[in-house]
Protein backbone atom coordinates (compact mmCIF):
# COMPACT_ATOMS: atom_id res chain seq x y z
CA MET A 1 0.00 0.00 0.00
CA LYS A 2 1.37 3.37 -1.03
CA LYS A 3 2.07 5.74 1.86
CA GLU A 4 0.63 9.24 1.70
CA LYS A 5 3.12 12.00 1.31
CA GLN A 6 3.55 13.98 4.54
CA PRO A 7 3.19 17.78 4.23
CA ALA A 8 6.43 19.67 4.40
CA ARG A 9 7.20 21.29 7.71
CA ARG A 10 7.83 24.95 7.99
CA PRO A 11 11.46 25.81 8.64
CA SER A 12 12.01 26.77 12.27
CA ALA A 13 14.58 29.04 13.79
CA LYS A 14 17.68 27.07 14.71
CA ALA A 15 19.85 27.91 17.67
CA PRO A 16 23.59 28.31 16.97
CA LYS A 17 25.90 25.50 18.04
CA GLY A 18 26.49 25.36 21.76
CA VAL A 19 23.34 27.40 22.57
CA SER A 20 20.12 25.81 23.81
CA ARG A 21 16.90 26.49 21.92
CA ARG A 22 15.37 28.20 24.98
CA GLY A 23 18.43 30.40 25.47
CA PHE A 24 18.38 31.36 21.81
CA PHE A 25 14.75 32.56 21.89
CA GLN A 26 15.30 34.41 25.18
CA ALA A 27 18.20 36.29 23.62
CA MET A 28 16.09 37.11 20.54
CA GLY A 29 13.30 38.47 22.77
CA LEU A 30 15.67 40.69 24.73
CA ALA A 31 17.15 42.05 21.52
CA GLY A 32 13.68 42.92 20.21
CA ALA A 33 12.72 44.66 23.45
CA ALA A 34 15.92 46.68 23.39
CA ALA A 35 15.30 47.76 19.81
CA THR A 36 11.76 48.85 20.66
CA THR A 37 12.96 50.85 23.65
CA LEU A 38 15.52 52.70 21.54
CA ALA A 39 12.98 53.37 18.80
CA GLN A 40 10.61 54.94 21.34
CA GLY A 41 13.23 57.21 22.83
CA GLY A 42 14.11 55.01 25.78
CA CYS A 43 17.18 55.00 28.00
CA GLY A 44 20.42 55.90 26.25
CA SER A 45 18.76 57.12 23.06
CA SER A 46 18.70 60.61 21.63
CA GLY A 47 14.88 60.76 22.13
CA GLY A 48 15.15 62.41 25.53
CA GLY A 49 14.74 59.36 27.79
CA VAL A 50 11.89 58.93 30.26
CA ASP A 51 9.29 61.68 30.44
CA PRO A 52 10.17 63.88 33.49
CA ALA A 53 6.46 64.04 34.38
CA LEU A 54 6.44 60.26 34.81
CA GLN A 55 9.55 60.39 36.98
CA GLN A 56 7.74 62.75 39.35
CA GLY A 57 4.68 60.52 39.72
CA VAL A 58 3.25 59.83 43.17
CA GLY A 59 3.37 56.55 45.01
CA PRO A 60 3.44 53.76 45.69
CA ASP A 61 3.57 54.86 49.35
CA ALA A 62 0.53 56.40 51.04
CA ILE A 63 0.02 60.13 50.51
CA ASP A 64 -2.19 62.76 52.12
CA VAL A 65 -5.46 63.32 50.27
CA ALA A 66 -7.83 66.18 51.17
CA LEU A 67 -11.49 65.71 50.24
CA LYS A 68 -14.70 67.72 50.58
CA VAL A 69 -17.43 65.26 51.59
CA ASN A 70 -20.99 66.32 52.38
CA GLY A 71 -19.77 69.87 52.91
CA ARG A 72 -17.02 68.90 55.36
CA ASP A 73 -13.27 68.84 54.87
CA VAL A 74 -11.86 65.37 55.49
CA LYS A 75 -8.39 63.90 55.18
CA VAL A 76 -7.19 60.44 54.31
CA LYS A 77 -3.75 58.94 53.95
CA VAL A 78 -3.92 56.34 51.20
CA GLU A 79 -1.91 54.90 48.36
CA PRO A 80 -2.59 56.61 45.00
CA ARG A 81 -4.26 53.42 43.72
CA VAL A 82 -7.02 53.52 46.38
CA THR A 83 -10.49 54.31 45.03
CA LEU A 84 -12.79 56.99 46.39
CA LEU A 85 -15.12 54.25 47.60
CA ASP A 86 -12.46 52.44 49.62
CA ALA A 87 -10.97 55.70 50.91
CA LEU A 88 -14.30 56.78 52.42
CA ARG A 89 -15.36 53.35 53.63
CA ASP A 90 -12.09 52.14 55.10
CA HIS A 91 -9.60 54.99 55.53
CA LEU A 92 -11.53 58.10 56.42
CA LYS A 93 -10.39 60.29 59.29
CA LEU A 94 -11.75 63.72 60.09
CA GLY A 95 -8.93 66.12 60.96
CA SER A 96 -6.65 63.05 60.89
CA THR A 97 -7.87 62.02 64.37
CA GLU A 98 -11.64 61.64 64.66
CA PRO A 99 -13.06 58.59 62.83
CA VAL A 100 -15.98 59.22 60.48
CA ASP A 101 -18.38 56.48 59.43
CA LEU A 102 -19.25 56.81 55.73
CA THR A 103 -19.91 53.17 54.91
CA GLY A 104 -23.33 53.70 53.34
CA SER A 105 -22.02 53.36 49.79
CA LYS A 106 -21.50 49.68 49.08
CA ARG A 107 -18.86 47.79 47.15
CA VAL A 108 -20.68 45.05 45.23
CA CYS A 109 -19.32 44.45 41.72
CA ASP A 110 -16.17 46.63 42.15
CA ARG A 111 -16.02 47.15 38.39
CA GLY A 112 -18.47 49.96 37.60
CA SER A 113 -21.43 47.92 36.46
CA CYS A 114 -23.96 47.61 39.32
CA GLY A 115 -24.24 51.18 40.65
CA ALA A 116 -24.29 50.26 44.36
CA CYS A 117 -21.39 52.63 45.06
CA THR A 118 -22.92 55.65 43.29
CA MET A 119 -21.99 59.06 44.70
CA ILE A 120 -22.60 62.58 43.43
CA VAL A 121 -19.41 64.45 42.53
CA ASP A 122 -19.71 68.05 41.34
CA GLY A 123 -23.38 67.49 40.65
CA ARG A 124 -22.94 64.35 38.55
CA THR A 125 -23.32 60.71 39.54
CA VAL A 126 -20.19 58.57 39.47
CA TYR A 127 -19.33 54.98 40.29
CA SER A 128 -16.98 55.61 43.20
CA CYS A 129 -15.29 52.23 42.69
CA THR A 130 -13.89 53.60 39.42
CA VAL A 131 -12.70 56.99 40.72
CA LEU A 132 -9.36 57.32 42.52
CA ALA A 133 -9.39 59.28 45.76
CA VAL A 134 -6.59 61.50 44.46
CA GLU A 135 -8.74 62.39 41.45
CA ALA A 136 -11.57 63.59 43.70
CA GLN A 137 -9.51 66.28 45.45
CA GLY A 138 -11.01 69.75 45.08
CA ARG A 139 -14.43 68.38 44.14
CA GLN A 140 -17.75 68.45 45.97
CA ILE A 141 -18.56 64.87 47.01
CA ARG A 142 -21.98 63.79 48.28
CA THR A 143 -22.74 60.41 49.79
CA VAL A 144 -25.98 58.90 51.02
CA GLU A 145 -25.10 59.99 54.57
CA GLY A 146 -25.26 63.63 53.49
CA LEU A 147 -28.88 63.56 52.30
CA SER A 148 -30.66 63.80 55.64
CA GLU A 149 -31.02 67.18 57.35
CA GLY A 150 -31.42 67.59 61.09
CA GLY A 151 -32.07 63.87 61.48
CA LYS A 152 -34.87 63.92 58.88
CA LEU A 153 -34.54 61.67 55.86
CA HIS A 154 -34.54 62.97 52.30
CA PRO A 155 -37.92 62.56 50.50
CA VAL A 156 -36.36 59.90 48.26
CA GLN A 157 -35.24 57.93 51.30
CA GLU A 158 -38.64 58.27 52.95
CA GLU A 159 -40.44 57.03 49.84
CA PHE A 160 -38.08 54.06 49.50
CA VAL A 161 -39.16 53.07 53.00
CA ALA A 162 -42.86 53.76 52.39
CA CYS A 163 -42.93 51.90 49.06
CA ASP A 164 -40.79 49.02 50.33
CA GLY A 165 -38.32 49.75 47.56
CA LEU A 166 -35.52 47.65 49.00
CA MET A 167 -34.81 44.09 49.99
CA CYS A 168 -31.23 43.10 50.81
CA GLY A 169 -30.26 46.79 50.82
CA PHE A 170 -26.87 46.55 49.09
CA CYS A 171 -28.04 48.38 45.97
CA THR A 172 -30.31 50.86 47.80
CA PRO A 173 -27.76 53.66 48.52
CA GLY A 174 -26.78 53.75 44.85
CA PHE A 175 -30.41 53.87 43.71
CA VAL A 176 -31.12 56.68 46.17
CA MET A 177 -28.15 58.75 45.02
CA SER A 178 -29.02 58.30 41.34
CA ALA A 179 -32.63 59.25 42.08
CA VAL A 180 -31.66 62.37 44.04
CA SER A 181 -29.37 63.51 41.23
CA CYS A 182 -32.12 62.91 38.68
CA LEU A 183 -34.78 64.87 40.58
CA GLU A 184 -32.43 67.75 41.33
CA ARG A 185 -31.46 68.10 37.68
CA THR A 186 -34.97 67.45 36.35
CA PRO A 187 -37.67 68.56 38.80
CA GLY A 188 -40.95 66.83 38.05
CA ALA A 189 -39.23 64.15 35.97
CA THR A 190 -41.55 61.67 34.30
CA ALA A 191 -41.45 57.93 34.98
CA ASP A 192 -39.60 57.40 31.69
CA GLN A 193 -37.01 60.05 32.55
CA ILE A 194 -36.51 58.54 35.99
CA ARG A 195 -36.20 55.06 34.54
CA LYS A 196 -33.47 56.30 32.22
CA CYS A 197 -31.63 57.91 35.15
CA LEU A 198 -31.72 54.63 37.05
CA ASP A 199 -30.62 52.41 34.17
CA GLY A 200 -27.07 52.31 35.58
CA ASN A 201 -28.26 50.72 38.83
CA ILE A 202 -29.02 47.03 39.23
CA CYS A 203 -31.19 45.35 41.87
CA ARG A 204 -30.57 41.62 41.89
CA CYS A 205 -33.49 41.10 44.29
CA GLY A 206 -35.91 42.41 41.67
CA THR A 207 -37.37 45.45 43.46
CA GLN A 208 -36.88 47.88 40.54
CA PRO A 209 -40.67 48.47 40.11
CA ARG A 210 -41.02 49.60 43.73
CA ALA A 211 -37.85 51.64 43.54
CA LEU A 212 -39.27 53.43 40.48
CA GLU A 213 -42.58 54.01 42.28
CA ALA A 214 -40.70 55.49 45.24
CA VAL A 215 -38.75 57.93 43.06
CA VAL A 216 -41.86 59.04 41.17
CA LYS A 217 -43.64 59.82 44.46
CA ALA A 218 -40.58 61.58 45.84
CA GLY A 219 -40.37 63.67 42.69
CA ALA A 220 -43.96 64.80 43.09
CA ARG A 221 -43.29 65.79 46.70
CA MET A 222 -40.12 67.68 45.85
CA LYS A 223 -41.82 69.52 42.98
CA GLY A 224 -44.62 70.58 45.31
CA ARG A 225 -42.10 72.21 47.63
CA ARG A 226 -40.78 74.56 44.94
């Protein structure tokens, strides 16, 4: 029986005599990296070397960060990689001595997709798990703890309670903050407008209909006060 002809193999790179195949490829990789570095103006080239701005970067050690939260000046000492959410939940100190409890905002997905950590920064909602604390310096930050006045809950909070718009509660602070931002920017917002404002918040327990009802009622109350 006639044997089938085997397909020709592609030629492969051969290591020089006395050099192992692994050592050969490692040397080739280092040479390529060096060439790329020189082409991009790296060390020892005439391209100017490393950008001075990068050499002056902060970190990785903890640094002092001054924040304005709910109208109060607060200070934290955190590494530059720490998010606004973690800084307020885990590292916050008022005047560097007095502990402050701002754990209302929750870390759930930790990747900017569920909305549980929503805060209002300079009048706009943000996922605080995606904002670095150092980036929030000089900005006006509002958390769910800053909504009540004189011990009285915000209308949105009151309607969430009245309409039973929460179950496990992890997503609730984010829903409340998104709702407050929506009603402040659009007084008398319609149900469709409110639904659009809340589309970045997820309730895995399935209480979105009651949350929407709560915000609609709160909007009517807030409009009546104007």
